[in-house]
Amino acid sequence: MTLIDNEKGKKDKVIMPDFTEMWKEMYFKNEAAMSDAFREFISTQTFVGFINKALEQNLSYEKILRQSIDKYMEVSPVPSKKDISRVAELVISLEEKIDEMEYQFSQTMATMTDILAKMADYQANVKEEVNGLSEHLNKVEKKMDTINRKLNTLNRETTAGTKKTTKKDEKDGKGS
């Protein structure tokens, strides 16, 4: 190859710039200036007013959207998040009431168990007393039976002795 061919080859060769290197260079040169400008813009009242207006618009849009969704959900057969949370609250309050009733029931059952135990003890004591009185009554009846027999025997003897004396008196009175 000759010099002429060499120059001709260079002319045919296209050199492409490296865009990433150019971008990096441009970025680092402009970074400080852009960040200062942006910081300055953020600190102005104009920017704060713009942000407040955007926030108000966003909030009003959200409010309208929520109202629309609520109206749609009222008509829709599908329960909404509010419906589900309301049902969840009702379930929780029902669980609390059931827990309270269960506690009261267990307290009542414990009280009734104590009362029944005391009644059983009392009935056992009464039964012992009744058995004791029954034994005592049996002894008294036996003594009364013994006294009645002795009285009957005494009455018979007295009646028999009176009849003998009356018959004797009758015989003595007739013979006189």
C-alpha atoms as a PDB file:
ATOM      1  CA  MET A   1       0.000   0.000   0.000  1.00  0.00           C
ATOM      2  CA  THR A   2       1.108   3.375  -0.762  1.00  0.00           C
ATOM      3  CA  LEU A   3       0.685   6.650   0.873  1.00  0.00           C
ATOM      4  CA  ILE A   4      -2.146   7.548  -1.421  1.00  0.00           C
ATOM      5  CA  ASP A   5      -3.972   4.365  -0.562  1.00  0.00           C
ATOM      6  CA  ASN A   6      -3.407   5.066   3.091  1.00  0.00           C
ATOM      7  CA  GLU A   7      -4.961   8.520   2.860  1.00  0.00           C
ATOM      8  CA  LYS A   8      -7.809   7.154   0.842  1.00  0.00           C
ATOM      9  CA  GLY A   9      -8.456   4.510   3.581  1.00  0.00           C
ATOM     10  CA  LYS A  10      -8.562   7.194   6.239  1.00  0.00           C
ATOM     11  CA  LYS A  11     -11.107   9.168   4.291  1.00  0.00           C
ATOM     12  CA  ASP A  12     -13.336   6.153   3.980  1.00  0.00           C
ATOM     13  CA  LYS A  13     -13.137   5.450   7.684  1.00  0.00           C
ATOM     14  CA  VAL A  14     -15.838   7.318   9.684  1.00  0.00           C
ATOM     15  CA  ILE A  15     -15.067   8.070  13.294  1.00  0.00           C
ATOM     16  CA  MET A  16     -18.093   7.890  15.629  1.00  0.00           C
ATOM     17  CA  PRO A  17     -18.083  10.004  18.797  1.00  0.00           C
ATOM     18  CA  ASP A  18     -18.539   8.236  22.180  1.00  0.00           C
ATOM     19  CA  PHE A  19     -21.942   9.507  23.356  1.00  0.00           C
ATOM     20  CA  THR A  20     -21.675   8.097  26.860  1.00  0.00           C
ATOM     21  CA  GLU A  21     -18.464   9.988  27.475  1.00  0.00           C
ATOM     22  CA  MET A  22     -20.049  13.129  26.077  1.00  0.00           C
ATOM     23  CA  TRP A  23     -23.100  12.645  28.305  1.00  0.00           C
ATOM     24  CA  LYS A  24     -20.960  12.123  31.419  1.00  0.00           C
ATOM     25  CA  GLU A  25     -18.923  15.192  30.654  1.00  0.00           C
ATOM     26  CA  MET A  26     -22.011  17.322  30.035  1.00  0.00           C
ATOM     27  CA  TYR A  27     -23.699  15.937  33.189  1.00  0.00           C
ATOM     28  CA  PHE A  28     -20.827  16.646  35.551  1.00  0.00           C
ATOM     29  CA  LYS A  29     -20.327  20.152  34.081  1.00  0.00           C
ATOM     30  CA  ASN A  30     -24.006  21.075  34.437  1.00  0.00           C
ATOM     31  CA  GLU A  31     -24.801  19.219  37.694  1.00  0.00           C
ATOM     32  CA  ALA A  32     -23.786  21.978  40.087  1.00  0.00           C
ATOM     33  CA  ALA A  33     -25.531  24.695  38.093  1.00  0.00           C
ATOM     34  CA  MET A  34     -28.750  22.681  37.742  1.00  0.00           C
ATOM     35  CA  SER A  35     -28.856  21.695  41.417  1.00  0.00           C
ATOM     36  CA  ASP A  36     -28.362  25.340  42.463  1.00  0.00           C
ATOM     37  CA  ALA A  37     -31.103  26.488  40.085  1.00  0.00           C
ATOM     38  CA  PHE A  38     -33.440  23.758  41.260  1.00  0.00           C
ATOM     39  CA  ARG A  39     -32.734  24.513  44.932  1.00  0.00           C
ATOM     40  CA  GLU A  40     -33.457  28.167  44.282  1.00  0.00           C
ATOM     41  CA  PHE A  41     -36.709  27.340  42.470  1.00  0.00           C
ATOM     42  CA  ILE A  42     -37.892  25.007  45.276  1.00  0.00           C
ATOM     43  CA  SER A  43     -37.370  27.666  47.939  1.00  0.00           C
ATOM     44  CA  THR A  44     -39.574  30.266  46.201  1.00  0.00           C
ATOM     45  CA  GLN A  45     -43.170  31.026  47.152  1.00  0.00           C
ATOM     46  CA  THR A  46     -44.212  30.307  43.597  1.00  0.00           C
ATOM     47  CA  PHE A  47     -43.125  26.710  43.889  1.00  0.00           C
ATOM     48  CA  VAL A  48     -44.792  26.349  47.332  1.00  0.00           C
ATOM     49  CA  GLY A  49     -48.014  27.811  45.918  1.00  0.00           C
ATOM     50  CA  PHE A  50     -47.796  25.439  42.957  1.00  0.00           C
ATOM     51  CA  ILE A  51     -47.311  22.442  45.258  1.00  0.00           C
ATOM     52  CA  ASN A  52     -50.231  23.546  47.476  1.00  0.00           C
ATOM     53  CA  LYS A  53     -52.522  23.922  44.456  1.00  0.00           C
ATOM     54  CA  ALA A  54     -51.457  20.527  43.132  1.00  0.00           C
ATOM     55  CA  LEU A  55     -52.086  18.993  46.568  1.00  0.00           C
ATOM     56  CA  GLU A  56     -55.541  20.607  46.822  1.00  0.00           C
ATOM     57  CA  GLN A  57     -56.435  19.415  43.331  1.00  0.00           C
ATOM     58  CA  ASN A  58     -55.205  15.925  44.140  1.00  0.00           C
ATOM     59  CA  LEU A  59     -57.219  15.851  47.386  1.00  0.00           C
ATOM     60  CA  SER A  60     -60.373  17.094  45.695  1.00  0.00           C
ATOM     61  CA  TYR A  61     -59.907  14.529  42.912  1.00  0.00           C
ATOM     62  CA  GLU A  62     -59.443  11.794  45.529  1.00  0.00           C
ATOM     63  CA  LYS A  63     -62.573  12.945  47.392  1.00  0.00           C
ATOM     64  CA  ILE A  64     -64.635  12.868  44.186  1.00  0.00           C
ATOM     65  CA  LEU A  65     -63.186   9.464  43.327  1.00  0.00           C
ATOM     66  CA  ARG A  66     -64.040   8.071  46.777  1.00  0.00           C
ATOM     67  CA  GLN A  67     -67.584   9.429  46.557  1.00  0.00           C
ATOM     68  CA  SER A  68     -68.002   7.873  43.130  1.00  0.00           C
ATOM     69  CA  ILE A  69     -66.669   4.548  44.348  1.00  0.00           C
ATOM     70  CA  ASP A  70     -68.962   4.669  47.402  1.00  0.00           C
ATOM     71  CA  LYS A  71     -71.987   5.371  45.204  1.00  0.00           C
ATOM     72  CA  TYR A  72     -71.002   2.558  42.874  1.00  0.00           C
ATOM     73  CA  MET A  73     -70.484   0.164  45.790  1.00  0.00           C
ATOM     74  CA  GLU A  74     -73.908   1.023  47.230  1.00  0.00           C
ATOM     75  CA  VAL A  75     -75.489  -0.196  44.016  1.00  0.00           C
ATOM     76  CA  SER A  76     -73.045  -3.041  43.464  1.00  0.00           C
ATOM     77  CA  PRO A  77     -73.722  -6.458  45.015  1.00  0.00           C
ATOM     78  CA  VAL A  78     -70.037  -6.708  45.933  1.00  0.00           C
ATOM     79  CA  PRO A  79     -69.260  -5.554  49.489  1.00  0.00           C
ATOM     80  CA  SER A  80     -67.029  -2.526  49.836  1.00  0.00           C
ATOM     81  CA  LYS A  81     -64.057  -2.132  52.141  1.00  0.00           C
ATOM     82  CA  LYS A  82     -66.279  -0.085  54.490  1.00  0.00           C
ATOM     83  CA  ASP A  83     -68.898  -2.858  54.518  1.00  0.00           C
ATOM     84  CA  ILE A  84     -66.285  -5.461  55.330  1.00  0.00           C
ATOM     85  CA  SER A  85     -64.732  -3.312  58.062  1.00  0.00           C
ATOM     86  CA  ARG A  86     -68.196  -2.636  59.547  1.00  0.00           C
ATOM     87  CA  VAL A  87     -68.912  -6.384  59.567  1.00  0.00           C
ATOM     88  CA  ALA A  88     -65.491  -6.996  61.121  1.00  0.00           C
ATOM     89  CA  GLU A  89     -66.285  -4.463  63.872  1.00  0.00           C
ATOM     90  CA  LEU A  90     -69.615  -6.190  64.510  1.00  0.00           C
ATOM     91  CA  VAL A  91     -67.891  -9.573  64.674  1.00  0.00           C
ATOM     92  CA  ILE A  92     -65.300  -8.229  67.112  1.00  0.00           C
ATOM     93  CA  SER A  93     -67.977  -6.694  69.359  1.00  0.00           C
ATOM     94  CA  LEU A  94     -69.937  -9.953  69.164  1.00  0.00           C
ATOM     95  CA  GLU A  95     -66.828 -11.892  70.163  1.00  0.00           C
ATOM     96  CA  GLU A  96     -66.332  -9.528  73.105  1.00  0.00           C
ATOM     97  CA  LYS A  97     -69.948 -10.034  74.194  1.00  0.00           C
ATOM     98  CA  ILE A  98     -69.615 -13.807  73.863  1.00  0.00           C
ATOM     99  CA  ASP A  99     -66.397 -13.721  75.899  1.00  0.00           C
ATOM    100  CA  GLU A 100     -68.152 -11.644  78.574  1.00  0.00           C
ATOM    101  CA  MET A 101     -71.121 -14.028  78.611  1.00  0.00           C
ATOM    102  CA  GLU A 102     -68.769 -17.007  78.824  1.00  0.00           C
ATOM    103  CA  TYR A 103     -66.965 -15.364  81.748  1.00  0.00           C
ATOM    104  CA  GLN A 104     -70.250 -14.590  83.511  1.00  0.00           C
ATOM    105  CA  PHE A 105     -71.493 -18.129  82.820  1.00  0.00           C
ATOM    106  CA  SER A 106     -68.342 -19.659  84.278  1.00  0.00           C
ATOM    107  CA  GLN A 107     -68.591 -17.364  87.320  1.00  0.00           C
ATOM    108  CA  THR A 108     -72.260 -18.287  87.778  1.00  0.00           C
ATOM    109  CA  MET A 109     -71.478 -21.992  87.423  1.00  0.00           C
ATOM    110  CA  ALA A 110     -68.660 -21.700  89.954  1.00  0.00           C
ATOM    111  CA  THR A 111     -70.983 -19.911  92.378  1.00  0.00           C
ATOM    112  CA  MET A 112     -73.727 -22.486  91.837  1.00  0.00           C
ATOM    113  CA  THR A 113     -71.219 -25.305  92.347  1.00  0.00           C
ATOM    114  CA  ASP A 114     -70.102 -23.769  95.633  1.00  0.00           C
ATOM    115  CA  ILE A 115     -73.714 -23.306  96.754  1.00  0.00           C
ATOM    116  CA  LEU A 116     -74.613 -26.889  95.786  1.00  0.00           C
ATOM    117  CA  ALA A 117     -71.574 -28.215  97.656  1.00  0.00           C
ATOM    118  CA  LYS A 118     -72.622 -26.240 100.736  1.00  0.00           C
ATOM    119  CA  MET A 119     -76.205 -27.526 100.372  1.00  0.00           C
ATOM    120  CA  ALA A 120     -74.937 -31.104 100.092  1.00  0.00           C
ATOM    121  CA  ASP A 121     -72.882 -30.623 103.264  1.00  0.00           C
ATOM    122  CA  TYR A 122     -75.879 -29.067 105.001  1.00  0.00           C
ATOM    123  CA  GLN A 123     -78.130 -31.921 103.896  1.00  0.00           C
ATOM    124  CA  ALA A 124     -75.571 -34.434 105.161  1.00  0.00           C
ATOM    125  CA  ASN A 125     -75.565 -32.656 108.529  1.00  0.00           C
ATOM    126  CA  VAL A 126     -79.368 -32.558 108.593  1.00  0.00           C
ATOM    127  CA  LYS A 127     -79.484 -36.270 107.711  1.00  0.00           C
ATOM    128  CA  GLU A 128     -77.092 -37.051 110.548  1.00  0.00           C
ATOM    129  CA  GLU A 129     -79.243 -35.002 112.931  1.00  0.00           C
ATOM    130  CA  VAL A 130     -82.424 -36.694 111.698  1.00  0.00           C
ATOM    131  CA  ASN A 131     -80.797 -40.115 112.124  1.00  0.00           C
ATOM    132  CA  GLY A 132     -79.698 -39.102 115.615  1.00  0.00           C
ATOM    133  CA  LEU A 133     -83.207 -37.882 116.427  1.00  0.00           C
ATOM    134  CA  SER A 134     -84.665 -41.079 114.946  1.00  0.00           C
ATOM    135  CA  GLU A 135     -82.414 -43.186 117.183  1.00  0.00           C
ATOM    136  CA  HIS A 136     -83.295 -41.038 120.163  1.00  0.00           C
ATOM    137  CA  LEU A 137     -87.009 -41.314 119.276  1.00  0.00           C
ATOM    138  CA  ASN A 138     -86.679 -45.091 119.022  1.00  0.00           C
ATOM    139  CA  LYS A 139     -85.116 -45.170 122.490  1.00  0.00           C
ATOM    140  CA  VAL A 140     -87.895 -42.935 123.824  1.00  0.00           C
ATOM    141  CA  GLU A 141     -90.512 -45.184 122.175  1.00  0.00           C
ATOM    142  CA  LYS A 142     -88.916 -48.252 123.718  1.00  0.00           C
ATOM    143  CA  LYS A 143     -88.949 -46.558 127.123  1.00  0.00           C
ATOM    144  CA  MET A 144     -92.569 -45.508 126.551  1.00  0.00           C
ATOM    145  CA  ASP A 145     -93.459 -49.081 125.558  1.00  0.00           C
ATOM    146  CA  THR A 146     -91.753 -50.348 128.705  1.00  0.00           C
ATOM    147  CA  ILE A 147     -93.586 -47.759 130.813  1.00  0.00           C
ATOM    148  CA  ASN A 148     -96.896 -48.624 129.084  1.00  0.00           C
ATOM    149  CA  ARG A 149     -96.363 -52.335 129.742  1.00  0.00           C
ATOM    150  CA  LYS A 150     -95.550 -51.657 133.368  1.00  0.00           C
ATOM    151  CA  LEU A 151     -98.588 -49.369 133.633  1.00  0.00           C
ATOM    152  CA  ASN A 152    -100.793 -51.968 131.995  1.00  0.00           C
ATOM    153  CA  THR A 153     -99.431 -54.610 134.283  1.00  0.00           C
ATOM    154  CA  LEU A 154     -99.925 -52.334 137.255  1.00  0.00           C
ATOM    155  CA  ASN A 155    -103.433 -51.450 136.100  1.00  0.00           C
ATOM    156  CA  ARG A 156    -104.320 -55.113 135.705  1.00  0.00           C
ATOM    157  CA  GLU A 157    -102.955 -55.878 139.107  1.00  0.00           C
ATOM    158  CA  THR A 158    -104.802 -52.956 140.550  1.00  0.00           C
ATOM    159  CA  THR A 159    -107.967 -53.858 138.703  1.00  0.00           C
ATOM    160  CA  ALA A 160    -107.612 -57.506 139.701  1.00  0.00           C
ATOM    161  CA  GLY A 161    -106.954 -56.535 143.335  1.00  0.00           C
ATOM    162  CA  THR A 162    -109.964 -54.231 143.302  1.00  0.00           C
ATOM    163  CA  LYS A 163    -112.193 -56.962 141.879  1.00  0.00           C
ATOM    164  CA  LYS A 164    -111.023 -59.407 144.518  1.00  0.00           C
ATOM    165  CA  THR A 165    -111.689 -56.917 147.240  1.00  0.00           C
ATOM    166  CA  THR A 166    -115.040 -56.033 145.743  1.00  0.00           C
ATOM    167  CA  LYS A 167    -116.011 -59.689 145.495  1.00  0.00           C
ATOM    168  CA  LYS A 168    -114.777 -60.219 148.986  1.00  0.00           C
ATOM    169  CA  ASP A 169    -116.696 -57.204 150.162  1.00  0.00           C
ATOM    170  CA  GLU A 170    -119.730 -58.411 148.351  1.00  0.00           C
ATOM    171  CA  LYS A 171    -119.444 -61.791 149.996  1.00  0.00           C
ATOM    172  CA  ASP A 172    -118.853 -60.176 153.305  1.00  0.00           C
ATOM    173  CA  GLY A 173    -121.728 -57.773 152.821  1.00  0.00           C
ATOM    174  CA  LYS A 174    -124.190 -60.525 151.773  1.00  0.00           C
ATOM    175  CA  GLY A 175    -123.352 -62.728 154.562  1.00  0.00           C
ATOM    176  CA  SER A 176    -123.894 -60.168 157.202  1.00  0.00           C
END
